[in-house]
Amino acid sequence: MRNSPQMLSATNSDQRRRKKVALKPGFSPLDWARLLKSGENLAGVDRPKLLTHEEVQKHNKRDDCWMIIGNKVYN
C-alpha cells in the first residue's frame, strides 16, 4: 500500500507544485478582463502603420528586434 502508484504520483506532484506569486493591485485576471471590456484602445496607436521591409530590417539588434510573420510586424 505504501508504494502504490497513487501514493507515488501524489508525492511527485507535490514536489513539482508551482509557487504562487501575489499580484499587485491592477494586475489580477479580473482587472485585465475589466480593461478589455472598457472599450479603450489598448494597442497604443490610433491606426496601424504601414512599414516597408527596409524599415523592419533596421530593427535587428538584440534589444530592438522586429520580425514579420504573416504580413504582420511584431516588436
C-alpha atoms as a PDB file:
ATOM      1  CA  MET A   1       0.000   0.000   0.000  1.00  0.00           C
ATOM      2  CA  ARG A   2       2.803   2.370   0.817  1.00  0.00           C
ATOM      3  CA  ASN A   3       4.433   2.107  -2.614  1.00  0.00           C
ATOM      4  CA  SER A   4       1.227   2.075  -4.596  1.00  0.00           C
ATOM      5  CA  PRO A   5       1.174   4.126  -7.844  1.00  0.00           C
ATOM      6  CA  GLN A   6      -1.341   6.551  -6.361  1.00  0.00           C
ATOM      7  CA  MET A   7       0.905   7.334  -3.417  1.00  0.00           C
ATOM      8  CA  LEU A   8       3.978   7.789  -5.627  1.00  0.00           C
ATOM      9  CA  SER A   9       2.246  10.115  -8.073  1.00  0.00           C
ATOM     10  CA  ALA A  10       0.878  12.268  -5.266  1.00  0.00           C
ATOM     11  CA  THR A  11       4.359  12.645  -3.807  1.00  0.00           C
ATOM     12  CA  ASN A  12       5.856  13.595  -7.188  1.00  0.00           C
ATOM     13  CA  SER A  13       3.136  16.152  -7.928  1.00  0.00           C
ATOM     14  CA  ASP A  14       3.668  17.804  -4.536  1.00  0.00           C
ATOM     15  CA  GLN A  15       7.345  18.283  -5.375  1.00  0.00           C
ATOM     16  CA  ARG A  16       6.556  19.890  -8.762  1.00  0.00           C
ATOM     17  CA  ARG A  17       3.862  22.223  -7.455  1.00  0.00           C
ATOM     18  CA  ARG A  18       4.170  25.789  -8.720  1.00  0.00           C
ATOM     19  CA  LYS A  19       4.904  28.564  -6.297  1.00  0.00           C
ATOM     20  CA  LYS A  20       2.209  31.216  -6.311  1.00  0.00           C
ATOM     21  CA  VAL A  21       3.094  34.862  -6.660  1.00  0.00           C
ATOM     22  CA  ALA A  22       0.969  37.642  -5.184  1.00  0.00           C
ATOM     23  CA  LEU A  23      -0.262  40.064  -7.838  1.00  0.00           C
ATOM     24  CA  LYS A  24      -0.098  43.794  -7.293  1.00  0.00           C
ATOM     25  CA  PRO A  25      -3.358  45.766  -7.442  1.00  0.00           C
ATOM     26  CA  GLY A  26      -4.441  46.296 -11.045  1.00  0.00           C
ATOM     27  CA  PHE A  27      -2.829  43.117 -12.389  1.00  0.00           C
ATOM     28  CA  SER A  28      -5.320  40.391 -11.488  1.00  0.00           C
ATOM     29  CA  PRO A  29      -7.160  38.455 -14.222  1.00  0.00           C
ATOM     30  CA  LEU A  30     -10.354  40.320 -13.323  1.00  0.00           C
ATOM     31  CA  ASP A  31      -8.592  43.682 -13.701  1.00  0.00           C
ATOM     32  CA  TRP A  32      -7.420  42.669 -17.184  1.00  0.00           C
ATOM     33  CA  ALA A  33     -10.907  41.473 -18.141  1.00  0.00           C
ATOM     34  CA  ARG A  34     -12.368  44.783 -16.974  1.00  0.00           C
ATOM     35  CA  LEU A  35      -9.777  46.684 -19.022  1.00  0.00           C
ATOM     36  CA  LEU A  36     -10.543  44.641 -22.141  1.00  0.00           C
ATOM     37  CA  LYS A  37     -14.282  45.332 -21.794  1.00  0.00           C
ATOM     38  CA  SER A  38     -13.707  49.056 -21.227  1.00  0.00           C
ATOM     39  CA  GLY A  39     -13.541  49.749 -24.960  1.00  0.00           C
ATOM     40  CA  GLU A  40     -10.262  51.657 -24.623  1.00  0.00           C
ATOM     41  CA  ASN A  41      -7.688  51.409 -27.395  1.00  0.00           C
ATOM     42  CA  LEU A  42      -5.155  49.032 -25.866  1.00  0.00           C
ATOM     43  CA  ALA A  43      -2.897  48.979 -28.928  1.00  0.00           C
ATOM     44  CA  GLY A  44      -1.258  52.284 -28.063  1.00  0.00           C
ATOM     45  CA  VAL A  45      -1.682  53.613 -31.616  1.00  0.00           C
ATOM     46  CA  ASP A  46      -4.597  55.248 -33.397  1.00  0.00           C
ATOM     47  CA  ARG A  47      -4.263  53.239 -36.593  1.00  0.00           C
ATOM     48  CA  PRO A  48      -1.849  50.630 -37.921  1.00  0.00           C
ATOM     49  CA  LYS A  49       1.276  51.942 -39.622  1.00  0.00           C
ATOM     50  CA  LEU A  50       2.401  50.539 -42.957  1.00  0.00           C
ATOM     51  CA  LEU A  51       6.068  49.544 -42.832  1.00  0.00           C
ATOM     52  CA  THR A  52       8.497  48.572 -45.566  1.00  0.00           C
ATOM     53  CA  HIS A  53      10.832  45.590 -45.377  1.00  0.00           C
ATOM     54  CA  GLU A  54      13.725  48.052 -45.248  1.00  0.00           C
ATOM     55  CA  GLU A  55      12.283  49.734 -42.136  1.00  0.00           C
ATOM     56  CA  VAL A  56      11.848  46.388 -40.395  1.00  0.00           C
ATOM     57  CA  GLN A  57      15.393  45.318 -41.330  1.00  0.00           C
ATOM     58  CA  LYS A  58      16.806  48.310 -39.435  1.00  0.00           C
ATOM     59  CA  HIS A  59      15.484  46.828 -36.176  1.00  0.00           C
ATOM     60  CA  ASN A  60      17.864  43.891 -35.908  1.00  0.00           C
ATOM     61  CA  LYS A  61      19.559  44.484 -32.553  1.00  0.00           C
ATOM     62  CA  ARG A  62      19.238  42.197 -29.565  1.00  0.00           C
ATOM     63  CA  ASP A  63      17.214  44.776 -27.589  1.00  0.00           C
ATOM     64  CA  ASP A  64      15.242  46.050 -30.623  1.00  0.00           C
ATOM     65  CA  CYS A  65      14.240  43.159 -32.866  1.00  0.00           C
ATOM     66  CA  TRP A  66      11.270  43.325 -35.227  1.00  0.00           C
ATOM     67  CA  MET A  67      10.020  40.413 -37.293  1.00  0.00           C
ATOM     68  CA  ILE A  68       7.379  39.821 -39.929  1.00  0.00           C
ATOM     69  CA  ILE A  69       5.043  36.869 -39.548  1.00  0.00           C
ATOM     70  CA  GLY A  70       2.062  36.537 -41.837  1.00  0.00           C
ATOM     71  CA  ASN A  71       2.376  40.151 -43.133  1.00  0.00           C
ATOM     72  CA  LYS A  72       2.264  41.491 -39.566  1.00  0.00           C
ATOM     73  CA  VAL A  73       5.200  43.146 -37.814  1.00  0.00           C
ATOM     74  CA  TYR A  74       5.998  42.083 -34.256  1.00  0.00           C
ATOM     75  CA  ASN A  75       8.286  44.008 -31.921  1.00  0.00           C
END
